[in-house]
Protein backbone atom coordinates (compact mmCIF):
# COMPACT_ATOMS: atom_id res chain seq x y z
CA MET A 1 26.33 18.55 -34.20
CA GLU A 2 23.80 16.50 -36.43
CA ASN A 3 24.98 14.04 -39.28
CA PRO A 4 24.04 15.11 -42.76
CA LYS A 5 22.84 12.09 -43.68
CA THR A 6 20.04 12.05 -40.92
CA ASN A 7 18.58 15.48 -42.11
CA TYR A 8 16.19 15.54 -44.75
CA ILE A 9 18.26 17.96 -47.05
CA GLY A 10 20.94 15.76 -46.28
CA ARG A 11 19.32 12.34 -47.66
CA VAL A 12 17.71 14.31 -50.76
CA ARG A 13 21.48 14.86 -52.08
CA LEU A 14 22.37 11.91 -51.38
CA PHE A 15 19.89 10.55 -54.35
CA GLY A 16 21.26 8.70 -57.57
CA LYS A 17 20.35 8.72 -60.87
CA ASP A 18 17.83 6.22 -60.88
CA ALA A 19 15.93 8.12 -58.70
CA ARG A 20 16.66 12.08 -59.90
CA LEU A 21 14.90 10.47 -62.88
CA PHE A 22 12.16 8.72 -61.08
CA ILE A 23 11.21 12.40 -59.60
CA ALA A 24 12.02 13.88 -62.95
CA SER A 25 9.15 11.33 -64.86
CA ASN A 26 6.66 11.65 -61.82
CA ALA A 27 6.84 15.19 -62.15
CA THR A 28 6.25 15.76 -65.78
CA SER A 29 3.52 13.28 -65.64
CA SER A 30 1.95 15.07 -62.49
CA PHE A 31 1.99 18.37 -64.99
CA ALA A 32 0.31 16.30 -67.86
CA PHE A 33 -2.46 15.02 -65.17
CA GLY A 34 -2.60 18.37 -63.33
CA ILE A 35 -4.15 20.15 -66.81
CA SER A 36 -6.50 17.11 -67.52
CA ASN A 37 -7.51 17.09 -63.90
CA VAL A 38 -9.06 20.34 -64.03
CA ILE A 39 -10.94 20.30 -67.19
CA PHE A 40 -11.47 16.90 -68.63
CA ASN A 41 -14.92 16.44 -66.49
CA LEU A 42 -16.10 19.81 -67.58
CA TYR A 43 -14.92 18.94 -71.31
CA MET A 44 -16.88 15.43 -71.21
CA VAL A 45 -20.12 17.53 -69.47
CA ASP A 46 -19.71 20.49 -72.29
CA ALA A 47 -19.88 17.86 -75.17
CA GLY A 48 -23.11 16.36 -73.79
CA PHE A 49 -22.25 13.87 -71.50
CA GLY A 50 -23.84 13.44 -68.12
CA GLU A 51 -23.07 12.98 -65.00
CA ASP A 52 -23.94 9.73 -64.75
CA PHE A 53 -22.45 8.58 -67.53
CA LEU A 54 -19.04 10.33 -66.87
CA GLY A 55 -19.03 8.28 -63.23
CA PHE A 56 -19.26 5.25 -65.25
CA PHE A 57 -16.93 5.84 -67.86
CA LEU A 58 -14.21 6.85 -64.75
CA SER A 59 -15.10 3.39 -63.35
CA ILE A 60 -14.32 1.50 -66.19
CA SER A 61 -10.49 2.12 -66.09
CA MET A 62 -10.73 0.74 -62.40
CA PHE A 63 -12.57 -1.93 -62.61
CA ALA A 64 -10.27 -3.12 -65.90
CA THR A 65 -7.43 -2.68 -63.57
CA ALA A 66 -8.98 -4.25 -60.41
CA ALA A 67 -9.76 -7.54 -62.88
CA ILE A 68 -6.07 -7.57 -63.84
CA ALA A 69 -3.75 -6.22 -61.06
CA ILE A 70 -3.28 -9.65 -59.27
CA VAL A 71 -2.05 -11.22 -62.24
CA ALA A 72 -0.06 -7.87 -63.02
CA GLY A 73 1.60 -8.26 -59.92
CA MET A 74 2.71 -12.23 -60.19
CA TYR A 75 3.86 -11.45 -63.79
CA THR A 76 5.91 -8.31 -62.52
CA ASP A 77 7.54 -10.11 -59.90
CA ARG A 78 9.07 -12.48 -62.66
CA ARG A 79 9.68 -9.82 -65.13
CA SER A 80 11.77 -6.54 -65.23
CA ARG A 81 9.74 -3.99 -64.00
CA LYS A 82 11.56 -1.66 -65.84
CA ARG A 83 10.37 -2.95 -68.80
CA ILE A 84 6.97 -3.34 -67.63
CA VAL A 85 6.65 0.46 -66.17
CA LEU A 86 7.93 1.73 -69.83
CA PHE A 87 5.84 -0.25 -71.99
CA SER A 88 2.64 -0.13 -69.84
CA SER A 89 3.37 4.10 -70.26
CA PHE A 90 3.26 4.35 -73.79
CA ILE A 91 0.02 2.20 -74.03
CA SER A 92 -1.52 4.49 -71.31
CA PHE A 93 -0.11 7.50 -73.47
CA PHE A 94 -1.81 6.27 -76.87
CA MET A 95 -5.00 5.46 -74.71
CA ILE A 96 -5.37 8.71 -73.61
CA VAL A 97 -4.44 10.10 -77.04
CA ILE A 98 -7.78 8.48 -78.04
CA GLN A 99 -9.74 10.17 -75.62
CA TYR A 100 -8.51 13.18 -76.33
CA ALA A 101 -9.08 13.01 -79.95
CA THR A 102 -12.82 11.16 -80.57
CA LEU A 103 -16.34 11.53 -78.71
CA ASP A 104 -17.62 8.26 -79.67
CA PRO A 105 -18.73 6.39 -76.48
CA LEU A 106 -17.52 3.16 -77.83
CA PHE A 107 -13.76 4.56 -78.68
CA LEU A 108 -13.94 6.14 -75.35
CA MET A 109 -14.93 3.01 -73.41
CA LEU A 110 -12.43 0.78 -75.24
CA SER A 111 -9.43 3.27 -74.52
CA GLN A 112 -10.69 3.41 -70.93
CA VAL A 113 -10.80 -0.15 -70.49
CA PHE A 114 -6.61 -0.83 -72.05
CA LEU A 115 -6.06 2.42 -69.41
CA GLY A 116 -7.10 0.67 -66.58
CA LEU A 117 -5.23 -2.52 -68.20
CA SER A 118 -2.01 -0.77 -68.44
CA SER A 119 -2.41 1.15 -65.10
CA ALA A 120 -2.29 -1.70 -63.64
CA PHE A 121 0.97 -3.02 -64.89
CA SER A 122 2.45 0.49 -63.97
CA GLN A 123 1.08 1.16 -60.47
CA VAL A 124 2.54 -2.70 -59.34
CA ALA A 125 5.51 -2.03 -61.28
CA TRP A 126 6.84 1.36 -60.04
CA SER A 127 6.48 1.14 -56.17
CA PRO A 128 8.71 -2.36 -56.10
CA PHE A 129 11.22 -1.21 -58.97
CA ILE A 130 12.08 2.54 -56.88
CA THR A 131 11.88 0.33 -53.94
CA ASP A 132 14.56 -1.98 -55.21
CA LEU A 133 16.63 1.13 -55.90
CA SER A 134 16.49 2.93 -52.24
CA SER A 135 18.10 2.10 -49.40
CA ASN A 136 15.65 1.61 -46.11
CA GLU A 137 17.37 5.25 -44.70
CA GLU A 138 16.09 7.37 -48.02
CA ARG A 139 13.10 5.43 -49.00
CA ALA A 140 10.29 7.59 -46.95
CA HIS A 141 12.36 10.42 -47.78
CA LEU A 142 12.15 9.56 -51.60
CA PHE A 143 8.86 8.57 -51.75
CA GLY A 144 7.76 11.66 -50.13
CA PHE A 145 10.38 14.34 -51.82
CA SER A 146 9.16 12.74 -55.31
CA SER A 147 5.54 12.96 -53.86
CA GLY A 148 6.15 16.75 -53.02
CA ILE A 149 7.85 17.60 -56.55
CA GLY A 150 4.84 15.95 -58.37
CA LEU A 151 2.50 18.04 -56.49
CA LEU A 152 4.13 21.35 -57.17
CA SER A 153 4.09 20.14 -60.77
CA VAL A 154 0.03 19.33 -60.33
CA LEU A 155 -0.16 22.83 -59.28
CA ALA A 156 1.50 24.08 -62.38
CA GLY A 157 -0.51 21.92 -64.73
CA ASN A 158 -3.75 22.94 -62.61
CA LEU A 159 -2.77 26.61 -63.44
CA LEU A 160 -2.34 26.22 -66.70
CA GLY A 161 -5.28 23.90 -67.41
CA GLY A 162 -7.48 26.51 -65.74
CA PHE A 163 -6.25 29.56 -67.51
CA MET A 164 -5.61 28.36 -70.85
CA PRO A 165 -8.96 27.41 -72.46
CA GLY A 166 -9.73 31.32 -71.35
CA PHE A 167 -6.62 32.76 -73.13
CA LEU A 168 -7.73 30.61 -75.89
CA LEU A 169 -10.78 32.31 -76.08
CA SER A 170 -9.72 35.70 -75.74
CA GLN A 171 -6.78 35.40 -78.31
CA PHE A 172 -9.19 33.33 -81.03
CA GLY A 173 -12.40 34.76 -80.17
CA LEU A 174 -15.38 33.07 -82.37
CA ALA A 175 -12.75 30.75 -84.34
CA VAL A 176 -12.89 28.83 -80.83
CA ASN A 177 -15.65 27.58 -78.99
CA LEU A 178 -15.30 26.34 -75.18
CA PHE A 179 -15.40 23.28 -76.31
CA TRP A 180 -12.14 23.25 -78.75
CA ALA A 181 -10.51 25.32 -76.17
CA TYR A 182 -10.75 22.30 -73.57
CA ARG A 183 -9.58 20.05 -76.04
CA ILE A 184 -6.29 22.01 -77.57
CA THR A 185 -5.36 22.41 -73.78
CA LEU A 186 -6.25 18.84 -73.49
CA TRP A 187 -3.83 18.12 -76.43
CA PHE A 188 -1.06 20.47 -75.06
CA SER A 189 -0.78 18.06 -71.52
CA LEU A 190 0.14 15.22 -74.30
CA ILE A 191 3.37 16.79 -74.87
CA PRO A 192 4.87 16.50 -70.99
CA LEU A 193 3.18 13.13 -70.58
CA LEU A 194 5.08 11.56 -73.81
CA PHE A 195 8.08 12.93 -72.37
CA SER A 196 7.31 11.00 -68.60
CA GLY A 197 7.78 7.78 -70.34
CA LEU A 198 11.24 8.55 -72.41
CA LEU A 199 12.23 9.74 -69.03
CA VAL A 200 12.06 5.62 -68.25
CA ILE A 201 14.66 4.62 -70.78
CA PRO A 202 17.72 5.50 -68.96
CA MET A 203 16.63 4.44 -65.41
CA THR A 204 18.79 1.16 -64.59
CA ARG A 205 17.49 -2.32 -65.63
CA ASP A 206 16.46 -4.55 -63.36
CA GLN A 207 16.43 -8.53 -63.56
CA ALA A 208 13.65 -11.44 -63.45
CA PHE A 209 13.77 -13.09 -60.36
CA ALA A 210 14.67 -16.99 -61.22
CA ARG A 211 13.50 -18.47 -57.83
CA VAL A 212 9.76 -17.74 -59.00
CA PRO A 213 9.48 -18.79 -62.73
CA ARG A 214 5.91 -19.92 -62.52
CA ILE A 215 2.98 -17.73 -62.20
CA GLY A 216 1.28 -18.06 -58.97
CA PHE A 217 1.52 -17.06 -54.99
CA GLN A 218 4.33 -19.25 -54.45
CA ASN A 219 6.62 -16.01 -54.06
CA VAL A 220 3.76 -14.24 -51.32
CA ARG A 221 4.67 -15.01 -47.25
CA ASN A 222 3.21 -12.36 -45.68
CA TRP A 223 -0.81 -12.79 -46.39
CA ARG A 224 -2.08 -11.40 -43.03
CA PHE A 225 0.09 -7.78 -43.56
CA ILE A 226 -1.08 -7.81 -46.88
CA GLY A 227 -4.83 -8.66 -46.24
CA LYS A 228 -4.82 -6.31 -43.63
CA TYR A 229 -3.06 -3.62 -45.29
CA ALA A 230 -5.56 -4.11 -48.80
CA GLY A 231 -8.87 -3.47 -46.19
CA THR A 232 -7.51 -0.43 -45.38
CA VAL A 233 -6.82 0.86 -48.56
CA SER A 234 -10.19 -0.13 -49.80
CA CYS A 235 -11.97 1.26 -46.93
CA VAL A 236 -10.34 4.53 -48.18
CA GLY A 237 -10.89 3.92 -51.61
CA LEU A 238 -14.67 3.38 -51.23
CA GLY A 239 -15.12 6.71 -49.87
CA ALA A 240 -12.49 8.50 -52.37
CA GLY A 241 -13.99 7.06 -55.26
CA MET A 242 -17.29 9.01 -54.57
CA ILE A 243 -15.93 12.18 -54.33
CA VAL A 244 -12.08 13.20 -55.72
CA MET A 245 -13.26 12.88 -59.48
CA PHE A 246 -15.87 14.97 -58.97
CA PHE A 247 -14.47 17.87 -56.69
CA ASN A 248 -14.64 20.15 -60.18
CA ILE A 249 -17.85 19.49 -61.24
CA PHE A 250 -18.89 20.51 -57.32
CA PHE A 251 -16.92 23.42 -57.33
CA SER A 252 -18.82 23.96 -61.06
CA GLN A 253 -22.13 23.38 -59.72
CA GLU A 254 -22.56 24.38 -56.41
CA PHE A 255 -20.64 27.75 -56.56
CA ALA A 256 -20.66 28.50 -60.62
CA ALA A 257 -16.93 28.28 -60.62
CA ASP A 258 -15.31 28.39 -64.53
CA SER A 259 -12.61 26.71 -65.07
CA SER A 260 -9.90 29.31 -64.23
CA LEU A 261 -11.43 29.34 -60.97
CA ILE A 262 -11.38 25.79 -60.73
CA GLY A 263 -7.64 25.55 -61.55
CA ILE A 264 -6.50 28.71 -58.65
CA ILE A 265 -8.82 26.68 -56.38
CA PHE A 266 -6.69 23.26 -57.16
CA GLY A 267 -3.58 25.29 -57.45
CA ILE A 268 -3.70 26.52 -53.89
CA ASN A 269 -4.62 22.97 -52.61
CA THR A 270 -1.60 21.43 -54.21
CA VAL A 271 0.70 23.52 -52.76
CA VAL A 272 -0.38 23.08 -49.45
CA LEU A 273 -0.53 19.18 -50.26
CA ALA A 274 3.08 19.77 -51.63
CA ALA A 275 3.75 21.27 -48.44
CA GLY A 276 2.52 18.04 -46.53
CA ASN A 277 4.07 15.54 -48.51
CA PHE A 278 7.59 17.11 -47.93
CA LEU A 279 6.93 17.82 -44.27
CA ALA A 280 5.71 14.09 -43.70
CA PRO A 281 8.78 11.84 -44.15
CA ALA A 282 10.25 14.27 -41.40
CA MET A 283 7.05 13.72 -38.87
CA ALA A 284 6.99 9.92 -39.58
CA ASP A 285 10.86 10.12 -38.00
CA ARG A 286 9.65 11.74 -35.03
CA LEU A 287 6.54 9.91 -34.63
CA GLY A 288 6.38 6.71 -36.44
CA LYS A 289 5.01 5.94 -39.60
CA VAL A 290 1.37 4.26 -38.65
CA ARG A 291 1.09 6.79 -35.92
CA THR A 292 2.08 9.57 -38.46
CA VAL A 293 -0.84 8.15 -41.25
CA VAL A 294 -3.34 7.73 -38.33
CA ILE A 295 -3.31 11.23 -37.19
CA THR A 296 -3.69 12.86 -40.66
CA GLU A 297 -6.62 11.00 -41.96
CA ALA A 298 -8.27 11.19 -38.60
CA LEU A 299 -7.80 15.07 -38.74
CA SER A 300 -9.14 15.18 -42.20
CA VAL A 301 -12.82 14.22 -41.03
CA PRO A 302 -13.87 17.41 -39.40
CA PHE A 303 -13.02 19.50 -43.07
CA LEU A 304 -14.70 16.32 -44.79
CA LEU A 305 -18.13 17.10 -43.04
CA MET A 306 -17.35 20.88 -43.37
CA ILE A 307 -17.29 20.68 -47.31
CA SER A 308 -20.80 19.06 -47.09
CA TRP A 309 -22.58 22.08 -45.22
CA ALA A 310 -20.35 25.29 -46.73
CA PRO A 311 -22.60 28.21 -47.64
CA VAL A 312 -19.83 30.03 -49.47
CA LEU A 313 -17.03 29.34 -52.20
CA TRP A 314 -14.70 30.30 -49.66
CA LEU A 315 -15.37 27.85 -46.87
CA ALA A 316 -15.56 25.11 -48.69
CA VAL A 317 -11.94 25.95 -50.50
CA VAL A 318 -10.77 25.93 -46.99
CA ALA A 319 -12.06 22.72 -45.90
CA TYR A 320 -11.27 21.02 -49.07
CA VAL A 321 -7.57 22.17 -49.38
CA SER A 322 -7.36 21.23 -45.53
CA ARG A 323 -8.98 17.67 -45.60
CA THR A 324 -7.08 17.15 -49.01
CA VAL A 325 -3.41 17.74 -47.06
CA LEU A 326 -4.27 15.97 -43.84
CA MET A 327 -5.77 12.68 -46.02
CA ASN A 328 -2.61 12.46 -48.40
CA MET A 329 0.52 13.77 -46.89
CA GLY A 330 0.39 10.52 -45.03
CA GLY A 331 0.10 8.49 -48.24
CA PRO A 332 3.97 8.20 -49.48
CA VAL A 333 5.11 7.40 -45.75
CA SER A 334 1.86 4.38 -45.60
CA ASN A 335 3.81 3.60 -49.32
CA ALA A 336 7.24 2.88 -47.58
CA PHE A 337 5.43 1.52 -44.64
CA PHE A 338 3.93 -1.30 -46.72
CA MET A 339 6.97 -1.94 -48.94
CA GLU A 340 9.18 -2.43 -46.17
CA ASN A 341 7.50 -5.08 -44.38
CA LEU A 342 7.51 -7.27 -47.69
CA GLU A 343 9.98 -9.69 -48.87
CA LYS A 344 11.43 -8.29 -52.05
CA GLU A 345 9.72 -10.78 -54.41
CA GLU A 346 6.44 -10.56 -52.95
CA ARG A 347 6.26 -6.69 -53.23
CA ALA A 348 4.71 -6.25 -56.83
CA THR A 349 2.39 -9.13 -55.93
CA ALA A 350 1.02 -7.69 -53.11
CA VAL A 351 0.70 -4.20 -54.35
CA GLY A 352 -1.18 -5.88 -57.05
CA ILE A 353 -3.91 -7.25 -54.60
CA VAL A 354 -3.94 -4.09 -52.91
CA ARG A 355 -4.57 -2.44 -56.41
CA SER A 356 -6.82 -4.74 -57.18
CA GLY A 357 -9.10 -4.11 -54.36
CA ASP A 358 -8.91 -0.47 -53.81
CA SER A 359 -9.67 0.16 -58.22
CA PHE A 360 -12.67 -2.44 -57.59
CA VAL A 361 -14.41 -0.17 -55.05
CA ARG A 362 -13.40 2.89 -56.21
CA GLY A 363 -14.98 1.93 -59.83
CA VAL A 364 -18.43 1.12 -57.63
CA ALA A 365 -18.03 4.18 -55.69
CA ALA A 366 -17.51 6.25 -58.84
CA ASN A 367 -20.90 5.09 -60.32
CA ILE A 368 -22.64 5.93 -56.81
CA GLY A 369 -21.16 9.60 -57.37
CA GLY A 370 -21.77 10.11 -60.85
CA ILE A 371 -25.44 9.14 -60.31
CA LEU A 372 -25.95 11.01 -56.89
CA LEU A 373 -24.79 13.91 -58.57
CA ALA A 374 -27.08 13.50 -61.43
CA ALA A 375 -29.93 13.89 -58.86
CA GLY A 376 -28.52 17.18 -57.70
CA LEU A 377 -27.21 15.55 -54.56
CA TYR A 378 -23.71 17.22 -54.53
CA ARG A 379 -23.40 17.52 -50.97
CA LEU A 380 -24.57 14.16 -49.95
CA PRO A 381 -21.36 11.89 -50.76
CA TYR A 382 -19.28 13.96 -48.27
CA ILE A 383 -21.25 12.77 -45.10
CA LEU A 384 -20.98 9.05 -46.76
CA VAL A 385 -17.45 9.40 -47.48
CA SER A 386 -16.60 10.38 -43.34
CA GLY A 387 -17.68 7.33 -42.20
CA LEU A 388 -16.10 5.24 -44.24
CA TYR A 389 -12.61 7.91 -43.51
CA ILE A 390 -13.18 7.40 -39.79
CA LEU A 391 -13.43 3.44 -40.27
CA SER A 392 -10.15 3.23 -42.05
CA VAL A 393 -8.52 5.18 -39.57
CA ILE A 394 -9.95 2.89 -36.80
CA LEU A 395 -8.75 -0.09 -39.22
CA PHE A 396 -5.26 1.12 -40.04
CA TYR A 397 -4.31 1.46 -36.13
CA GLY A 398 -6.01 -1.67 -34.48
CA PHE A 399 -4.15 -3.10 -37.18
CA PHE A 400 -0.59 -1.65 -37.40
CA ARG A 401 -0.79 -0.02 -34.00
CA ASN A 402 1.94 -2.90 -32.34
CA GLN A 403 4.55 -2.19 -35.52
CA GLU A 404 5.19 1.79 -34.08
CA SER A 405 7.54 -0.20 -31.57
CA LEU A 406 9.25 -1.76 -34.73
CA GLU A 407 9.54 1.81 -36.47
CA GLN A 408 11.35 3.10 -33.59
CA LEU A 409 13.70 0.41 -33.26
CA GLN A 410 14.74 0.40 -36.96
CA ILE A 411 15.26 4.06 -36.59
CA LEU A 412 17.35 3.59 -33.45
CA ASP A 413 19.30 1.04 -35.59
CA ILE A 414 20.06 3.23 -38.27
CA LEU A 415 21.12 6.51 -35.77
CA ILE A 416 23.58 4.14 -34.26
CA GLU A 417 24.95 2.76 -37.13
CA GLU A 418 25.64 5.89 -38.71
CA ARG A 419 27.21 7.09 -34.99
CA ASP A 420 29.29 3.88 -35.29
CA GLU A 421 30.29 4.70 -38.85
CA ASP A 422 31.30 8.59 -37.42
CA GLU A 423 33.23 7.32 -35.34
CA LEU A 424 35.32 4.97 -37.00
CA GLU A 425 35.83 7.88 -39.73
CA ILE A 426 37.27 9.99 -36.80
CA THR A 427 39.67 7.54 -35.19
C-alpha cells in the first residue's frame, strides 16, 4: 500500500499553519495582480502614454530591484525575514495606490522606483522564509501547490479584470468612460492586495542569524552553483522581459481584442498553467527536478515561434497558452532545487544575486520590447526570445545534469526512511 505521506494529497494535508497562511497570502495577492495584469497596460495606453514610455516605466522597478537585490539579500540573511516580508508588502501596497491614483509622470516613476526597492526585499525574503518553515520532503509540493492555487486566483482576477470595466460601462453609461472603468477596477484590486499583507502577521516569527552579523558575503559558500543558476535565470529573463508584460497589448493591437476577451484569454491560460503547476511536483518526483525544468522549457519554444506567425486569434491563443504553461510549470521545481542546494545562512543573499541579474536584464528587455511595439513590430520579439530560451535550456542542462543522480538518491533516502518508520510502527 502506498504510504499516504508520499502521495500528493498526503503531503498537502501535512502543511502546517505557516504553510497555509503563505498559500492564502499568495492567493490573495495573485488575485489582485490578476486583475491589474489584464488592464493596467490598457489603462496606461488609454490615458495617452505610448508603448515606448510604458516599456521604460515598467523597467524602472526592475532596475531598482537589480540595484539593491544583492544588498537586500545580505541584509535579509541577518534579520527576521518575516519582518522584511511584512514591511516590504505594505510599502509595495502604498506605491501601487499612488500608481492607480495619479497620472503625473514624476509620481508614477518615483512610485515605480520604490516599488522595485520594496519588491527586492520581498523577493529575497519569501523563498528562504518559507524554505526554513518546510521540510525537504514537502518543499517541492508546497511551492508547487502554492503556485497552483496562486494561478487559480490569477484566473479569477483575470476574469474579473476583463469583465468589470464593461460591467461598469453598461451599468453607469455616460457617467463612466473607459478610462474611469479601468481605474475603478484597479482600485478594487487594492482590497485583496492589502489583505495579502495582513495574512503575514500571524505567521511564525523567525530569528536573525547571529553567526553572520556584518553585511557582506562571508555567509556565501556556494558561489559556483549560484553563478551558474543566476546565468540561466538571467538568460530566461532577458527573453521574458521583451514579451511577458506586453501580451495584452499584443492581443489588443494584432487581433483587436477588448479587455473582456483578453481577460478570457488570460483566464484560459491561467487554468492550464495552474494544472501544470499542480502536476510539476509529481513530474519532478518521477524524472528529477533538473530533467523536469529542461523538458518543460524546451517544449515551450515551438509554441513561442508559433505566436510570431499565427494568422488568426485562436491559433495565437493556443500557442500562447501552450508556451506559458510549459515555460512556467517548472518554475516552482526550479526554485525548490535552488533552495535545497544552498546553506540556510546564504539563501537570501543567493536569491538577491539571482534577482539582481534577472531584474536588470528584464529592465533592459522591457525597453527593447516597448521600442519594438511602438515601431509596430509586434511579432518580432517572439522570434528573438526563442533563441534566448533555447540557450537557457542548454545552459541549465549543461550546468546541472549531474545533479540528477543526487536528486534520485535524495528521493530514495526519503522512501527508505519512510519504509523504516512504517516497519517500526508495525512491529
